């Protein structure tokens, strides 16, 4: 059974424990270039309640970013592999929890249960997708998640290609944040 279907069954069977409609959020986040990340990093946070003040130990907030997988079977991000993918093409990729990643920039949206479940579905679909810098990378994952929200204007990636922080600044400006 898919993770989304299991999530939906759990949501429907445990509705008394859920946040009230509108208490869900999605946050589009970025980390500046530097400190192990030459171009920066983009990632998505979802959760219930007040963003980034929820407990992270009981899955109230989840934070995911797409990475190039290192040489092992488990998801161990590798910035060397990420850079190499620009020249050699697709490499194995994986979503990795960015719950402890520094956030330099963010754009937060309140969302309803249906939108929250759509974001969970995107997370499920992107887990273990191939990684290629500039074509299918952390910023592409963030952009595809943004596109779930028709009220969000998504800027062109041209000229901002490998700089997630600059892209998020452009998105915030375009959307009046």
Foldseek 3Di string as FASTA:
>chain_A
DAPLVVVVVVCVVPVVPAAPFQQKKKKWFWAFADDQHNQTFIKMKIAGHDPPPDDVVVPRMWIKFKAAADPDPDRDHDNVVQVVLQPVNWGWMAIDTCNPPDTPDMDMDGGGPVLRSVLVVLNRVPGGDIHHQQPRGRLVSSQVNQVSDVLFDQDDCPPVRRHNVVRRVVSCVVNVD
